[in-house]
Structure formats: structure tokens, C-alpha cells
Amino acid sequence: MNSTSSSPVNAIAAELSRLDPAYAPTPLLNLPALAERLGVAQVLAKDEGRRMLGSFKSLGGTYAGLRALARASRMQLADLLAARPKGQPTLVCASDGNHGLAVAAAARFAGAPARVFLHEGVPKARARRIENQGAEIVWVPGTYDNAVDAAAAAACQGAGILVADTTDDPNDPIVCDVMAGYGVTAAEIRDQVDFAGLGRPTHVFIQAGVGGLAAAIAEGLSGWLASPGCIVTVEPETAACLAPALAAGRPIRVMGDLRTSAEMLSCGQASAAAVAVLRRHGARAITVPEAELVDAVRVLSPHDGLATTPSGAAGLAGAMAALANPSHTRDLGLDRLSRILVLLTERAWEDRT
């Protein structure tokens, strides 16, 4: 496959591929039966559940963690990985599961310690997978945002280097590294669509969370999508923090328990770095109820045996909701000629080894 990606993204992909063959490009699936069901010309699904550690997070968290350790050691990344020097700082992060796995993997690759802050709603089986990467778990009462606050406070008190995927600082270098890692997915999409001779998508429906993935996809597909080139972020109704942030131009803390079946999207505050990028690209935001998040998993299952979660299928849930709502259809320029791209962001946890 001839790459049309920019050289920085190629370099990130090459660095990750040297770590493990499981960082190979993930499949881009053409789902004509689903397109017929939805009444559009094309549905493409990028299956990030086939990615290392079972989600796209392994691109950003691992890359950013390794870059942070290399900076701290004043070494080139390749030299750090070869030497695995003793006495490296601890990598610290908060997570619902996937980001913690990715940061823990970065520490394991480099021979460094890791400490992952999890809120009390994270299943113990998910915590064990992080521990299996060699990380220490710190349990925090409350929500994901409480874990974010606790991890940041610990890093400020000298516990280690904070490898966050969200920030109040739009120029935070580590969060920017996280999003740069996610950009590998966008580069793969461009290459795979063009190589296969498929129609370029007109609409991208992508799960929000703190917004980092959506921002990376918006940036990476900018100028390449077919008209109208619409980026639509999708959030659970019960944990919708990106929509108010896009409207205000800055992160807004959403209160409440944020409970949703889309657990990886249970976030109360968007990342300032992501908000800035998404506003620059004119991204839109929609919310979906719990029933539709769960239904999207069921709708996907007959297609190529796709097994994901309500978080992983949230982009499809958003597309289905938009196509069923005349006001969304009109506002987003959707019709029977539309070509939709969704990202299946994670593999079902019970399918991971």
C-alpha cells in the first residue's frame, strides 16, 4: 500500500511497529448491507478493536508515554528502548481502562514503573489487565474525572510524569503527543480508502469522550473528505461534555454520576487541546440515549462478526440517530448519497486475552 500520510505520522507508526507487530494497520470494512439498512450510499467502519491491546488508545497513550520518558532521560526513543535504564520516573495517568493499558504498556516497553488511577466504577477484570502490564493501581472514589484530578495531584506532588489524555492547556505537549498517536488511524483510513478505490466519506460519526480521538481524526482527514466533509462527534445523553465545550470554546465541567453503558465515554470535562482542534474544523456534536448505544452493538454483530461495546459502537449509534431525525438529517446534509465513516474504537473486553 502506498502511503499518502505525512512523514510525522509515518514516523510514529514506524516507532510503534518496532515495538510489536500488533501495531500493524487495522482493517477498514466496507459494509454494504448496513448502508442499505441505513439508506445511504456507503458505510465504512475502521475496526480499532483489532489494534494492540484492543483499542485505538494503544496508539496515543503508548507513544506519549514513551516520548515523555525519552525527554526525561534526555535520550532518543530508540536508545531508551534499547537501554531500558534503571531509575526512570513513574508514568502516572487516570483511566477507565484503555488509556491505562496503553500507558502501562509504554512503561513496560521502556522498563519504567507505572501508576494508574481508576475510579471505583471500573470493573476489577479491567484493572487486572492493567496490572498484568506491570502497573500499580490506585483506586479513587467517584467518577473518571475524580481519577483525573487525583492523578494530576499525585504528579504535581512528585509521584511521576503525568501522561494524561485530557488537559486544560491547549498546548500541553503530552496530550498533543497522545493525539498525534491517534493520527495514525486517520492516515491509515486515507490510505485504505484510496487504495481500495472506495468513495471518500462525506460524514464521519465519531465518539467523543474527552475529544482527543475526534480531534485527531478531524485534523488527519481535513481537506480529504468529500463534500460536505462533516465531522460529527457523538456523546451519551448522560455524559455529554463536548457539546457545551464546543459551544463555549473552552472545557465545561459537567456534574453528575455520568453513568452510561458507553463506559469509555463517561467523561465530565472535554480536553482543551481537542476542543481547539474540533472548533477549528467546524465539528458538530449530537447526543444519543442509552437504548440506541446498546442497539448499535446489536446492529453491528451480524457484519463480519464484529464484537464491540456501546463505547466502541457509539459512532454508529450517532449515525443511526441522525438518519432517523429529520432535523439532524437536514442540518448535517445527510441523504441517500451520503458516505458514512464510523470508528469501532474498542474490542469487547471479554474477547481480550
Protein backbone atom coordinates (compact mmCIF):
# COMPACT_ATOMS: atom_id res chain seq x y z
CA MET A 1 0.00 0.00 0.00
CA ASN A 2 1.43 3.36 -1.00
CA SER A 3 1.22 5.77 1.90
CA THR A 4 -0.12 9.25 1.35
CA SER A 5 0.35 10.16 5.00
CA SER A 6 2.54 12.95 6.29
CA SER A 7 6.03 12.00 7.42
CA PRO A 8 5.46 12.75 11.17
CA VAL A 9 2.58 10.27 11.25
CA ASN A 10 4.63 7.75 9.28
CA ALA A 11 7.41 8.12 11.85
CA ILE A 12 5.01 7.47 14.73
CA ALA A 13 3.61 4.38 13.00
CA ALA A 14 7.14 3.11 12.38
CA GLU A 15 8.14 3.64 16.02
CA LEU A 16 5.11 1.70 17.24
CA SER A 17 5.55 -1.09 14.71
CA ARG A 18 9.05 -1.68 16.03
CA LEU A 19 7.56 -2.29 19.47
CA ASP A 20 5.18 -5.06 18.42
CA PRO A 21 3.73 -6.43 15.14
CA ALA A 22 0.25 -5.95 16.64
CA TYR A 23 0.61 -2.24 15.80
CA ALA A 24 0.01 -3.11 12.14
CA PRO A 25 -2.81 -1.18 10.40
CA THR A 26 -6.31 -2.22 11.42
CA PRO A 27 -8.96 -3.23 8.86
CA LEU A 28 -11.26 -0.76 7.14
CA LEU A 29 -14.51 -2.60 6.46
CA ASN A 30 -16.97 -1.80 3.69
CA LEU A 31 -20.45 -2.73 4.98
CA PRO A 32 -22.91 -2.54 2.04
CA ALA A 33 -25.70 -4.40 3.87
CA LEU A 34 -25.51 -1.87 6.70
CA ALA A 35 -25.50 1.00 4.19
CA GLU A 36 -28.67 -0.41 2.64
CA ARG A 37 -30.26 -0.71 6.05
CA LEU A 38 -29.43 2.91 6.89
CA GLY A 39 -30.45 4.21 3.46
CA VAL A 40 -27.08 5.69 2.49
CA ALA A 41 -24.61 5.00 -0.31
CA GLN A 42 -21.76 3.64 1.80
CA VAL A 43 -20.83 2.74 5.36
CA LEU A 44 -17.16 2.21 6.22
CA ALA A 45 -16.05 1.00 9.65
CA LYS A 46 -12.47 1.26 10.88
CA ASP A 47 -12.08 -1.65 13.31
CA GLU A 48 -9.76 -0.38 16.03
CA GLY A 49 -10.67 -3.37 18.18
CA ARG A 50 -8.00 -5.24 16.19
CA ARG A 51 -5.37 -2.79 17.43
CA MET A 52 -2.71 -3.65 20.01
CA LEU A 53 -4.38 -4.01 23.45
CA GLY A 54 -7.81 -3.95 21.84
CA SER A 55 -8.34 -0.24 21.17
CA PHE A 56 -7.06 2.91 19.47
CA LYS A 57 -5.78 4.11 22.85
CA SER A 58 -2.67 1.96 22.42
CA LEU A 59 -1.53 4.39 19.72
CA GLY A 60 -1.73 7.58 21.76
CA GLY A 61 -1.06 6.54 25.33
CA THR A 62 1.88 4.31 24.50
CA TYR A 63 3.50 6.79 22.12
CA ALA A 64 3.05 9.73 24.52
CA GLY A 65 4.32 7.72 27.48
CA LEU A 66 7.47 6.67 25.64
CA ARG A 67 8.09 10.20 24.41
CA ALA A 68 7.75 11.51 27.96
CA LEU A 69 10.28 9.01 29.27
CA ALA A 70 12.69 9.78 26.44
CA ARG A 71 12.51 13.51 27.21
CA ALA A 72 13.04 12.86 30.91
CA SER A 73 16.06 10.66 30.19
CA ARG A 74 17.42 13.03 27.52
CA MET A 75 17.67 10.06 25.17
CA GLN A 76 16.39 9.25 21.71
CA LEU A 77 13.43 6.93 21.87
CA ALA A 78 15.25 4.05 20.17
CA ASP A 79 18.17 4.40 22.59
CA LEU A 80 15.81 4.44 25.58
CA LEU A 81 14.11 1.25 24.44
CA ALA A 82 17.44 -0.46 23.85
CA ALA A 83 18.98 0.60 27.19
CA ARG A 84 15.91 0.41 29.47
CA PRO A 85 17.87 2.41 32.07
CA LYS A 86 17.25 1.96 35.77
CA GLY A 87 15.81 4.76 37.87
CA GLN A 88 13.32 6.08 35.31
CA PRO A 89 10.39 8.15 36.58
CA THR A 90 6.97 6.60 37.07
CA LEU A 91 4.34 7.16 34.39
CA VAL A 92 1.11 8.35 36.03
CA CYS A 93 -2.34 8.50 34.45
CA ALA A 94 -6.07 8.22 35.04
CA SER A 95 -8.20 5.86 33.03
CA ASP A 96 -11.44 3.95 32.54
CA GLY A 97 -9.30 1.11 31.19
CA ASN A 98 -7.91 1.61 27.70
CA HIS A 99 -5.65 4.62 28.29
CA GLY A 100 -4.28 2.98 31.43
CA LEU A 101 -3.45 -0.16 29.47
CA ALA A 102 -1.63 1.94 26.88
CA VAL A 103 0.41 3.94 29.39
CA ALA A 104 1.24 0.80 31.36
CA ALA A 105 2.46 -0.79 28.13
CA ALA A 106 4.71 2.20 27.45
CA ALA A 107 6.29 1.77 30.87
CA ARG A 108 6.74 -1.96 30.28
CA PHE A 109 8.42 -1.42 26.92
CA ALA A 110 10.86 1.08 28.47
CA GLY A 111 11.46 -0.75 31.76
CA ALA A 112 9.84 2.02 33.82
CA PRO A 113 7.19 1.88 36.58
CA ALA A 114 3.59 2.99 36.03
CA ARG A 115 0.76 4.01 38.34
CA VAL A 116 -2.81 4.11 37.01
CA PHE A 117 -5.64 5.87 38.86
CA LEU A 118 -9.02 4.17 38.37
CA HIS A 119 -12.39 5.32 39.66
CA GLU A 120 -14.47 2.91 41.70
CA GLY A 121 -16.80 2.08 38.80
CA VAL A 122 -14.07 0.38 36.74
CA PRO A 123 -14.55 -3.42 36.72
CA LYS A 124 -11.89 -5.41 38.58
CA ALA A 125 -11.20 -7.53 35.49
CA ARG A 126 -10.19 -4.39 33.62
CA ALA A 127 -7.88 -3.40 36.48
CA ARG A 128 -6.24 -6.84 36.38
CA ARG A 129 -5.38 -6.39 32.70
CA ILE A 130 -3.61 -3.14 33.57
CA GLU A 131 -1.80 -4.84 36.44
CA ASN A 132 -0.71 -7.57 34.02
CA GLN A 133 1.17 -4.86 32.12
CA GLY A 134 3.14 -4.24 35.33
CA ALA A 135 1.35 -1.13 36.58
CA GLU A 136 0.26 -0.27 40.12
CA ILE A 137 -3.45 0.53 40.53
CA VAL A 138 -4.73 3.36 42.74
CA TRP A 139 -8.48 3.32 43.37
CA VAL A 140 -10.31 6.66 43.60
CA PRO A 141 -13.87 7.25 44.86
CA GLY A 142 -16.23 8.89 42.40
CA THR A 143 -16.08 9.29 38.63
CA TYR A 144 -13.45 9.26 35.92
CA ASP A 145 -13.00 13.00 36.43
CA ASN A 146 -12.17 12.40 40.10
CA ALA A 147 -9.49 9.95 38.96
CA VAL A 148 -8.16 12.57 36.53
CA ASP A 149 -7.91 15.08 39.36
CA ALA A 150 -6.21 12.56 41.67
CA ALA A 151 -3.63 11.55 39.05
CA ALA A 152 -2.81 15.19 38.30
CA ALA A 153 -2.44 15.98 42.00
CA ALA A 154 -0.15 12.99 42.53
CA ALA A 155 2.07 14.03 39.62
CA CYS A 156 2.24 17.58 40.98
CA GLN A 157 3.40 16.15 44.30
CA GLY A 158 6.27 14.32 42.64
CA ALA A 159 4.78 10.87 42.01
CA GLY A 160 5.97 10.85 38.41
CA ILE A 161 5.21 12.11 34.90
CA LEU A 162 1.54 12.68 34.16
CA VAL A 163 0.55 11.08 30.85
CA ALA A 164 -2.96 12.46 30.51
CA ASP A 165 -5.26 12.30 27.51
CA THR A 166 -7.10 15.43 28.64
CA THR A 167 -5.93 18.86 29.73
CA ASP A 168 -6.95 22.45 30.45
CA ASP A 169 -3.92 23.61 28.44
CA PRO A 170 -4.48 23.51 24.65
CA ASN A 171 -0.70 23.33 24.14
CA ASP A 172 0.06 20.55 26.63
CA PRO A 173 2.90 18.61 24.91
CA ILE A 174 1.98 15.18 26.29
CA VAL A 175 -1.70 15.45 25.37
CA CYS A 176 -0.61 16.67 21.93
CA ASP A 177 1.58 13.55 21.67
CA VAL A 178 -1.43 11.41 22.59
CA MET A 179 -3.48 12.97 19.79
CA ALA A 180 -0.55 12.67 17.37
CA GLY A 181 -0.52 8.93 18.06
CA TYR A 182 -4.23 8.73 17.29
CA GLY A 183 -3.44 10.43 13.98
CA VAL A 184 -2.01 7.11 12.76
CA THR A 185 -5.61 5.88 12.45
CA ALA A 186 -6.56 8.83 10.23
CA ALA A 187 -3.56 8.22 7.98
CA GLU A 188 -4.49 4.57 7.64
CA ILE A 189 -8.07 5.50 6.71
CA ARG A 190 -6.89 7.79 3.93
CA ASP A 191 -4.55 5.18 2.52
CA GLN A 192 -7.06 2.33 2.75
CA VAL A 193 -9.96 4.21 1.16
CA ASP A 194 -7.86 5.47 -1.74
CA PHE A 195 -6.07 2.15 -2.26
CA ALA A 196 -9.37 0.25 -2.41
CA GLY A 197 -10.96 2.80 -4.76
CA LEU A 198 -13.82 3.46 -2.36
CA GLY A 199 -15.73 6.73 -2.26
CA ARG A 200 -14.28 9.19 0.20
CA PRO A 201 -16.62 9.66 3.17
CA THR A 202 -18.89 12.68 3.30
CA HIS A 203 -19.62 12.29 7.03
CA VAL A 204 -17.60 10.96 9.96
CA PHE A 205 -19.50 9.98 13.11
CA ILE A 206 -17.06 9.56 15.95
CA GLN A 207 -17.38 9.03 19.68
CA ALA A 208 -16.36 11.97 21.81
CA GLY A 209 -15.23 11.22 25.36
CA VAL A 210 -12.71 13.96 26.13
CA GLY A 211 -12.43 14.58 22.38
CA GLY A 212 -8.86 13.55 21.61
CA LEU A 213 -9.63 10.89 19.02
CA ALA A 214 -12.27 13.03 17.32
CA ALA A 215 -9.78 15.91 17.11
CA ALA A 216 -7.07 13.69 15.65
CA ILE A 217 -9.45 12.30 13.02
CA ALA A 218 -10.74 15.78 12.15
CA GLU A 219 -7.17 17.02 11.73
CA GLY A 220 -5.97 13.95 9.84
CA LEU A 221 -8.88 13.88 7.37
CA SER A 222 -9.03 17.65 6.85
CA GLY A 223 -9.18 18.55 3.15
CA TRP A 224 -9.58 14.90 2.13
CA LEU A 225 -13.22 14.14 2.91
CA ALA A 226 -15.82 14.55 0.18
CA SER A 227 -18.33 17.42 0.48
CA PRO A 228 -19.79 18.38 2.91
CA GLY A 229 -16.89 16.84 4.88
CA CYS A 230 -18.82 16.83 8.14
CA ILE A 231 -17.24 15.67 11.44
CA VAL A 232 -19.98 14.71 13.91
CA THR A 233 -19.00 13.92 17.50
CA VAL A 234 -21.26 11.53 19.41
CA GLU A 235 -21.87 11.51 23.18
CA PRO A 236 -24.16 9.65 25.57
CA GLU A 237 -27.00 11.83 26.79
CA THR A 238 -25.90 11.19 30.38
CA ALA A 239 -22.25 12.19 29.82
CA ALA A 240 -22.21 14.96 27.25
CA CYS A 241 -19.28 17.28 27.97
CA LEU A 242 -18.00 18.05 24.47
CA ALA A 243 -21.13 19.78 23.13
CA PRO A 244 -21.09 22.52 25.82
CA ALA A 245 -17.33 22.89 25.40
CA LEU A 246 -17.65 23.40 21.65
CA ALA A 247 -20.38 25.97 22.24
CA ALA A 248 -18.38 27.84 24.89
CA GLY A 249 -14.97 27.50 23.24
CA ARG A 250 -13.46 26.02 26.40
CA PRO A 251 -13.90 22.94 28.62
CA ILE A 252 -17.00 22.94 30.81
CA ARG A 253 -17.20 20.54 33.79
CA VAL A 254 -20.46 18.56 33.62
CA MET A 255 -21.56 17.32 37.03
CA GLY A 256 -23.44 14.15 38.00
CA ASP A 257 -22.58 10.48 38.14
CA LEU A 258 -22.11 10.33 34.32
CA ARG A 259 -23.32 6.73 34.25
CA THR A 260 -23.64 5.22 30.80
CA SER A 261 -23.26 1.83 29.15
CA ALA A 262 -20.65 3.56 26.98
CA GLU A 263 -18.21 3.47 29.89
CA MET A 264 -15.22 4.80 27.95
CA LEU A 265 -17.23 7.94 27.19
CA SER A 266 -18.16 8.60 30.81
CA CYS A 267 -16.32 11.92 30.95
CA GLY A 268 -17.40 15.15 32.59
CA GLN A 269 -14.91 17.54 31.01
CA ALA A 270 -13.51 17.72 27.49
CA SER A 271 -9.85 18.36 26.71
CA ALA A 272 -8.94 21.95 25.84
CA ALA A 273 -6.49 20.72 23.20
CA ALA A 274 -9.22 18.68 21.50
CA VAL A 275 -11.82 21.44 21.73
CA ALA A 276 -9.50 23.88 19.97
CA VAL A 277 -8.90 21.48 17.07
CA LEU A 278 -12.54 20.47 16.72
CA ARG A 279 -13.75 24.06 16.69
CA ARG A 280 -11.19 24.88 14.02
CA HIS A 281 -12.64 22.12 11.84
CA GLY A 282 -16.27 23.06 12.48
CA ALA A 283 -17.14 19.78 14.21
CA ARG A 284 -20.73 19.18 15.24
CA ALA A 285 -21.99 17.37 18.33
CA ILE A 286 -25.01 15.13 18.92
CA THR A 287 -26.12 13.03 21.88
CA VAL A 288 -27.73 9.59 21.89
CA PRO A 289 -29.79 7.81 24.57
CA GLU A 290 -28.72 4.58 26.24
CA ALA A 291 -31.07 2.36 24.25
CA GLU A 292 -29.53 3.48 20.97
CA LEU A 293 -25.97 2.95 22.22
CA VAL A 294 -26.84 -0.64 23.13
CA ASP A 295 -28.78 -1.19 19.89
CA ALA A 296 -25.78 -0.17 17.77
CA VAL A 297 -23.79 -3.11 19.20
CA ARG A 298 -26.58 -5.48 18.15
CA VAL A 299 -26.84 -3.95 14.68
CA LEU A 300 -23.11 -4.45 14.11
CA SER A 301 -22.87 -8.05 15.29
CA PRO A 302 -24.06 -9.74 12.04
CA HIS A 303 -21.46 -7.87 10.00
CA ASP A 304 -18.12 -9.71 9.81
CA GLY A 305 -18.64 -10.96 13.37
CA LEU A 306 -17.91 -7.52 14.80
CA ALA A 307 -17.82 -7.62 18.60
CA THR A 308 -17.56 -4.26 20.31
CA THR A 309 -19.11 -2.33 23.21
CA PRO A 310 -21.57 0.58 23.45
CA SER A 311 -18.47 2.82 23.62
CA GLY A 312 -16.99 1.19 20.53
CA ALA A 313 -20.23 1.43 18.57
CA ALA A 314 -21.18 4.97 19.65
CA GLY A 315 -20.24 6.47 16.28
CA LEU A 316 -22.68 4.14 14.54
CA ALA A 317 -25.31 4.91 17.18
CA GLY A 318 -24.89 8.59 16.32
CA ALA A 319 -25.20 7.94 12.60
CA MET A 320 -28.37 5.90 13.11
CA ALA A 321 -29.86 8.57 15.37
CA ALA A 322 -29.02 11.36 12.92
CA LEU A 323 -30.51 9.50 9.96
CA ALA A 324 -33.72 8.87 11.91
CA ASN A 325 -34.11 12.52 12.88
CA PRO A 326 -35.22 14.87 10.06
CA SER A 327 -33.73 17.93 11.76
CA HIS A 328 -30.32 16.24 12.07
CA THR A 329 -30.56 14.93 8.52
CA ARG A 330 -31.23 18.41 7.23
CA ASP A 331 -28.66 20.19 9.40
CA LEU A 332 -25.88 17.70 8.60
CA GLY A 333 -26.63 17.42 4.88
CA LEU A 334 -27.38 13.69 5.04
CA ASP A 335 -29.18 11.93 2.19
CA ARG A 336 -29.21 8.63 0.29
CA LEU A 337 -25.94 9.58 -1.47
CA SER A 338 -24.07 10.14 1.79
CA ARG A 339 -20.99 8.03 2.53
CA ILE A 340 -20.51 7.47 6.24
CA LEU A 341 -17.38 6.54 8.18
CA VAL A 342 -17.53 5.24 11.75
CA LEU A 343 -14.77 4.03 14.05
CA LEU A 344 -15.24 0.92 16.15
CA THR A 345 -12.95 2.09 18.88
CA GLU A 346 -12.54 -1.00 21.03
CA ARG A 347 -12.92 -4.74 21.13
CA ALA A 348 -15.33 -6.21 23.67
CA TRP A 349 -13.37 -6.62 26.90
CA GLU A 350 -14.33 -10.27 27.32
CA ASP A 351 -12.69 -11.00 23.94
CA ARG A 352 -9.29 -9.71 25.04
CA THR A 353 -6.53 -12.03 26.18
